[in-house]
PDB file of N, CA and C in Angstrom:
ATOM      1  N   MET A   1      -5.038   7.202   2.595  1.00  0.00           N
ATOM      2  CA  MET A   1      -4.706   5.810   2.944  1.00  0.00           C
ATOM      3  C   MET A   1      -3.546   5.706   4.016  1.00  0.00           C
ATOM      4  N   GLN A   2      -2.743   6.658   4.288  1.00  0.00           N
ATOM      5  CA  GLN A   2      -1.699   6.504   5.361  1.00  0.00           C
ATOM      6  C   GLN A   2      -2.399   6.666   6.550  1.00  0.00           C
ATOM      7  N   GLU A   3      -3.417   7.420   6.837  1.00  0.00           N
ATOM      8  CA  GLU A   3      -4.367   7.561   8.118  1.00  0.00           C
ATOM      9  C   GLU A   3      -5.098   6.258   8.368  1.00  0.00           C
ATOM     10  N   ALA A   4      -5.631   5.715   7.166  1.00  0.00           N
ATOM     11  CA  ALA A   4      -6.352   4.396   7.365  1.00  0.00           C
ATOM     12  C   ALA A   4      -5.571   3.335   7.781  1.00  0.00           C
ATOM     13  N   ILE A   5      -4.346   3.303   7.254  1.00  0.00           N
ATOM     14  CA  ILE A   5      -3.377   2.153   7.723  1.00  0.00           C
ATOM     15  C   ILE A   5      -3.031   2.369   9.230  1.00  0.00           C
ATOM     16  N   LYS A   6      -2.838   3.691   9.642  1.00  0.00           N
ATOM     17  CA  LYS A   6      -2.321   4.053  11.056  1.00  0.00           C
ATOM     18  C   LYS A   6      -3.689   3.576  12.011  1.00  0.00           C
ATOM     19  N   GLN A   7      -4.755   3.812  11.714  1.00  0.00           N
ATOM     20  CA  GLN A   7      -5.832   3.601  12.431  1.00  0.00           C
ATOM     21  C   GLN A   7      -6.109   2.064  12.568  1.00  0.00           C
ATOM     22  N   LYS A   8      -5.948   1.374  11.562  1.00  0.00           N
ATOM     23  CA  LYS A   8      -6.228  -0.068  11.643  1.00  0.00           C
ATOM     24  C   LYS A   8      -5.132  -0.919  12.246  1.00  0.00           C
ATOM     25  N   TYR A   9      -3.840  -0.562  11.852  1.00  0.00           N
ATOM     26  CA  TYR A   9      -2.667  -1.337  12.429  1.00  0.00           C
ATOM     27  C   TYR A   9      -1.791  -0.679  13.302  1.00  0.00           C
ATOM     28  N   GLY A  10      -2.097   0.490  13.600  1.00  0.00           N
ATOM     29  CA  GLY A  10      -1.242   1.171  14.468  1.00  0.00           C
ATOM     30  C   GLY A  10       0.233   1.566  14.195  1.00  0.00           C
ATOM     31  N   PHE A  11       0.506   1.757  12.776  1.00  0.00           N
ATOM     32  CA  PHE A  11       1.781   2.051  12.470  1.00  0.00           C
ATOM     33  C   PHE A  11       1.719   3.133  11.287  1.00  0.00           C
ATOM     34  N   THR A  12       2.737   3.933  11.180  1.00  0.00           N
ATOM     35  CA  THR A  12       2.558   4.994  10.131  1.00  0.00           C
ATOM     36  C   THR A  12       3.278   4.552   8.905  1.00  0.00           C
ATOM     37  N   ALA A  13       2.658   4.384   7.695  1.00  0.00           N
ATOM     38  CA  ALA A  13       3.352   4.023   6.509  1.00  0.00           C
ATOM     39  C   ALA A  13       4.143   5.152   6.041  1.00  0.00           C
ATOM     40  N   ASP A  14       5.289   4.776   5.521  1.00  0.00           N
ATOM     41  CA  ASP A  14       6.243   5.836   4.947  1.00  0.00           C
ATOM     42  C   ASP A  14       5.701   6.145   3.448  1.00  0.00           C
ATOM     43  N   LEU A  15       5.610   7.310   2.944  1.00  0.00           N
ATOM     44  CA  LEU A  15       5.239   7.680   1.684  1.00  0.00           C
ATOM     45  C   LEU A  15       6.462   8.286   0.915  1.00  0.00           C
ATOM     46  N   ASP A  16       6.865   7.735  -0.114  1.00  0.00           N
ATOM     47  CA  ASP A  16       7.828   8.264  -0.923  1.00  0.00           C
ATOM     48  C   ASP A  16       7.389   8.742  -2.186  1.00  0.00           C
ATOM     49  N   GLU A  17       7.736   9.964  -2.762  1.00  0.00           N
ATOM     50  CA  GLU A  17       7.062  10.511  -3.867  1.00  0.00           C
ATOM     51  C   GLU A  17       7.836   9.905  -5.047  1.00  0.00           C
ATOM     52  N   GLY A  18       6.923   9.500  -5.975  1.00  0.00           N
ATOM     53  CA  GLY A  18       7.431   8.864  -7.138  1.00  0.00           C
ATOM     54  C   GLY A  18       7.234   9.753  -8.458  1.00  0.00           C
ATOM     55  N   ALA A  19       7.394   9.143  -9.531  1.00  0.00           N
ATOM     56  CA  ALA A  19       7.023  10.091 -10.859  1.00  0.00           C
ATOM     57  C   ALA A  19       6.261   9.235 -11.848  1.00  0.00           C
ATOM     58  N   GLY A  20       5.462  10.015 -12.583  1.00  0.00           N
ATOM     59  CA  GLY A  20       4.684   9.375 -13.717  1.00  0.00           C
ATOM     60  C   GLY A  20       3.536   8.736 -13.277  1.00  0.00           C
ATOM     61  N   GLY A  21       2.987   9.081 -11.991  1.00  0.00           N
ATOM     62  CA  GLY A  21       1.812   8.478 -11.674  1.00  0.00           C
ATOM     63  C   GLY A  21       1.944   7.029 -11.213  1.00  0.00           C
ATOM     64  N   ILE A  22       3.038   6.518 -10.930  1.00  0.00           N
ATOM     65  CA  ILE A  22       3.293   5.164 -10.451  1.00  0.00           C
ATOM     66  C   ILE A  22       2.857   5.191  -8.977  1.00  0.00           C
ATOM     67  N   PHE A  23       2.097   4.322  -8.492  1.00  0.00           N
ATOM     68  CA  PHE A  23       1.722   3.976  -7.141  1.00  0.00           C
ATOM     69  C   PHE A  23       2.140   2.609  -6.736  1.00  0.00           C
ATOM     70  N   GLU A  24       2.997   2.356  -5.795  1.00  0.00           N
ATOM     71  CA  GLU A  24       3.423   1.100  -5.395  1.00  0.00           C
ATOM     72  C   GLU A  24       3.452   0.914  -3.812  1.00  0.00           C
ATOM     73  N   VAL A  25       3.045  -0.300  -3.462  1.00  0.00           N
ATOM     74  CA  VAL A  25       3.013  -0.543  -1.954  1.00  0.00           C
ATOM     75  C   VAL A  25       4.038  -1.594  -1.672  1.00  0.00           C
ATOM     76  N   PHE A  26       4.913  -1.343  -0.728  1.00  0.00           N
ATOM     77  CA  PHE A  26       5.972  -2.378  -0.324  1.00  0.00           C
ATOM     78  C   PHE A  26       5.786  -2.646   1.116  1.00  0.00           C
ATOM     79  N   ILE A  27       5.753  -3.874   1.390  1.00  0.00           N
ATOM     80  CA  ILE A  27       5.643  -4.472   2.578  1.00  0.00           C
ATOM     81  C   ILE A  27       6.904  -5.350   2.980  1.00  0.00           C
ATOM     82  N   ASP A  28       7.712  -4.872   3.984  1.00  0.00           N
ATOM     83  CA  ASP A  28       8.963  -5.490   4.404  1.00  0.00           C
ATOM     84  C   ASP A  28       9.849  -5.600   3.031  1.00  0.00           C
ATOM     85  N   GLU A  29       9.877  -4.510   2.269  1.00  0.00           N
ATOM     86  CA  GLU A  29      10.763  -4.431   0.970  1.00  0.00           C
ATOM     87  C   GLU A  29      10.204  -5.314  -0.145  1.00  0.00           C
ATOM     88  N   LYS A  30       9.095  -5.887   0.006  1.00  0.00           N
ATOM     89  CA  LYS A  30       8.550  -6.712  -1.102  1.00  0.00           C
ATOM     90  C   LYS A  30       7.353  -5.880  -1.742  1.00  0.00           C
ATOM     91  N   LEU A  31       7.334  -5.947  -2.973  1.00  0.00           N
ATOM     92  CA  LEU A  31       6.220  -5.299  -3.759  1.00  0.00           C
ATOM     93  C   LEU A  31       4.851  -5.995  -3.557  1.00  0.00           C
ATOM     94  N   ALA A  32       3.927  -5.315  -2.935  1.00  0.00           N
ATOM     95  CA  ALA A  32       2.657  -5.881  -2.611  1.00  0.00           C
ATOM     96  C   ALA A  32       1.540  -5.445  -3.632  1.00  0.00           C
ATOM     97  N   TYR A  33       1.659  -4.276  -4.065  1.00  0.00           N
ATOM     98  CA  TYR A  33       0.784  -3.658  -5.091  1.00  0.00           C
ATOM     99  C   TYR A  33       1.410  -2.619  -5.911  1.00  0.00           C
ATOM    100  N   THR A  34       1.038  -2.577  -7.187  1.00  0.00           N
ATOM    101  CA  THR A  34       1.470  -1.578  -8.122  1.00  0.00           C
ATOM    102  C   THR A  34       0.244  -1.284  -9.029  1.00  0.00           C
ATOM    103  N   ASN A  35       0.223   0.005  -9.353  1.00  0.00           N
ATOM    104  CA  ASN A  35      -0.921   0.381 -10.300  1.00  0.00           C
ATOM    105  C   ASN A  35      -0.451   0.167 -11.726  1.00  0.00           C
ATOM    106  N   GLN A  36       0.486  -0.282 -11.918  1.00  0.00           N
ATOM    107  CA  GLN A  36       1.082  -0.611 -13.383  1.00  0.00           C
ATOM    108  C   GLN A  36       0.195  -1.656 -13.952  1.00  0.00           C
ATOM    109  N   ASP A  37      -0.344  -2.550 -12.949  1.00  0.00           N
ATOM    110  CA  ASP A  37      -1.152  -3.542 -13.348  1.00  0.00           C
ATOM    111  C   ASP A  37      -2.613  -3.182 -13.425  1.00  0.00           C
ATOM    112  N   THR A  38      -3.083  -2.270 -12.664  1.00  0.00           N
ATOM    113  CA  THR A  38      -4.561  -2.031 -12.534  1.00  0.00           C
ATOM    114  C   THR A  38      -4.778  -0.533 -13.199  1.00  0.00           C
ATOM    115  N   TYR A  39      -3.845   0.238 -13.374  1.00  0.00           N
ATOM    116  CA  TYR A  39      -3.890   1.589 -13.764  1.00  0.00           C
ATOM    117  C   TYR A  39      -4.848   2.444 -13.037  1.00  0.00           C
ATOM    118  N   ARG A  40      -4.976   2.109 -11.766  1.00  0.00           N
ATOM    119  CA  ARG A  40      -5.878   3.060 -10.813  1.00  0.00           C
ATOM    120  C   ARG A  40      -5.320   3.053  -9.505  1.00  0.00           C
ATOM    121  N   PHE A  41      -5.722   3.940  -8.539  1.00  0.00           N
ATOM    122  CA  PHE A  41      -5.373   3.873  -7.075  1.00  0.00           C
ATOM    123  C   PHE A  41      -6.060   2.829  -6.356  1.00  0.00           C
ATOM    124  N   PRO A  42      -5.515   2.094  -5.500  1.00  0.00           N
ATOM    125  CA  PRO A  42      -6.150   1.038  -4.912  1.00  0.00           C
ATOM    126  C   PRO A  42      -7.134   1.490  -3.698  1.00  0.00           C
ATOM    127  N   THR A  43      -8.074   0.588  -3.322  1.00  0.00           N
ATOM    128  CA  THR A  43      -8.881   0.888  -2.120  1.00  0.00           C
ATOM    129  C   THR A  43      -8.179   0.703  -1.002  1.00  0.00           C
ATOM    130  N   ASN A  44      -8.563   1.167   0.170  1.00  0.00           N
ATOM    131  CA  ASN A  44      -7.976   0.719   1.309  1.00  0.00           C
ATOM    132  C   ASN A  44      -8.167  -0.745   1.691  1.00  0.00           C
ATOM    133  N   GLU A  45      -9.239  -1.253   1.281  1.00  0.00           N
ATOM    134  CA  GLU A  45      -9.636  -2.651   1.568  1.00  0.00           C
ATOM    135  C   GLU A  45      -8.554  -3.501   0.746  1.00  0.00           C
ATOM    136  N   GLU A  46      -8.178  -3.061  -0.442  1.00  0.00           N
ATOM    137  CA  GLU A  46      -7.131  -3.830  -1.183  1.00  0.00           C
ATOM    138  C   GLU A  46      -5.803  -3.827  -0.342  1.00  0.00           C
ATOM    139  N   ILE A  47      -5.388  -2.713  -0.099  1.00  0.00           N
ATOM    140  CA  ILE A  47      -4.174  -2.735   0.793  1.00  0.00           C
ATOM    141  C   ILE A  47      -4.302  -3.486   1.883  1.00  0.00           C
ATOM    142  N   PHE A  48      -5.318  -3.221   2.730  1.00  0.00           N
ATOM    143  CA  PHE A  48      -5.405  -4.051   3.937  1.00  0.00           C
ATOM    144  C   PHE A  48      -5.167  -5.584   3.705  1.00  0.00           C
ATOM    145  N   GLU A  49      -5.828  -6.065   2.571  1.00  0.00           N
ATOM    146  CA  GLU A  49      -5.648  -7.512   2.289  1.00  0.00           C
ATOM    147  C   GLU A  49      -4.264  -7.948   2.114  1.00  0.00           C
ATOM    148  N   LYS A  50      -3.407  -6.927   1.460  1.00  0.00           N
ATOM    149  CA  LYS A  50      -1.989  -7.202   1.154  1.00  0.00           C
ATOM    150  C   LYS A  50      -1.245  -7.146   2.486  1.00  0.00           C
ATOM    151  N   ILE A  51      -1.530  -6.224   3.368  1.00  0.00           N
ATOM    152  CA  ILE A  51      -0.871  -6.034   4.597  1.00  0.00           C
ATOM    153  C   ILE A  51      -1.210  -7.366   5.487  1.00  0.00           C
ATOM    154  N   ASP A  52      -2.440  -7.917   5.527  1.00  0.00           N
ATOM    155  CA  ASP A  52      -2.860  -8.916   6.260  1.00  0.00           C
ATOM    156  C   ASP A  52      -2.175 -10.195   5.787  1.00  0.00           C
ATOM    157  N   ALA A  53      -2.147 -10.254   4.521  1.00  0.00           N
ATOM    158  CA  ALA A  53      -1.394 -11.447   3.809  1.00  0.00           C
ATOM    159  C   ALA A  53       0.094 -11.586   4.241  1.00  0.00           C
ATOM    160  N   ALA A  54       0.942 -10.340   4.200  1.00  0.00           N
ATOM    161  CA  ALA A  54       2.150 -10.321   4.572  1.00  0.00           C
ATOM    162  C   ALA A  54       2.441 -10.597   5.909  1.00  0.00           C
ATOM    163  N   LYS A  55       1.528 -10.250   6.620  1.00  0.00           N
ATOM    164  CA  LYS A  55       1.649 -10.430   8.302  1.00  0.00           C
ATOM    165  C   LYS A  55       1.381 -11.952   8.557  1.00  0.00           C
ATOM    166  N   GLY A  56       0.672 -12.724   7.654  1.00  0.00           N
ATOM    167  CA  GLY A  56       0.313 -14.048   7.738  1.00  0.00           C
ATOM    168  C   GLY A  56       0.778 -14.977   8.500  1.00  0.00           C
TER     169      GLY A  56
END
């Protein structure tokens, strides 16, 4: 996913290791996605939608 974000938007996403299988995406320090709601890893398209909305 990090590479997909870099290719589409031209910036490198920071990856911070978490615990317990939790995966969260923050955009400008705001939570944009958490798998605590979906119990799965998001698709690239789902994250792209969140990035686009945040850039809005």
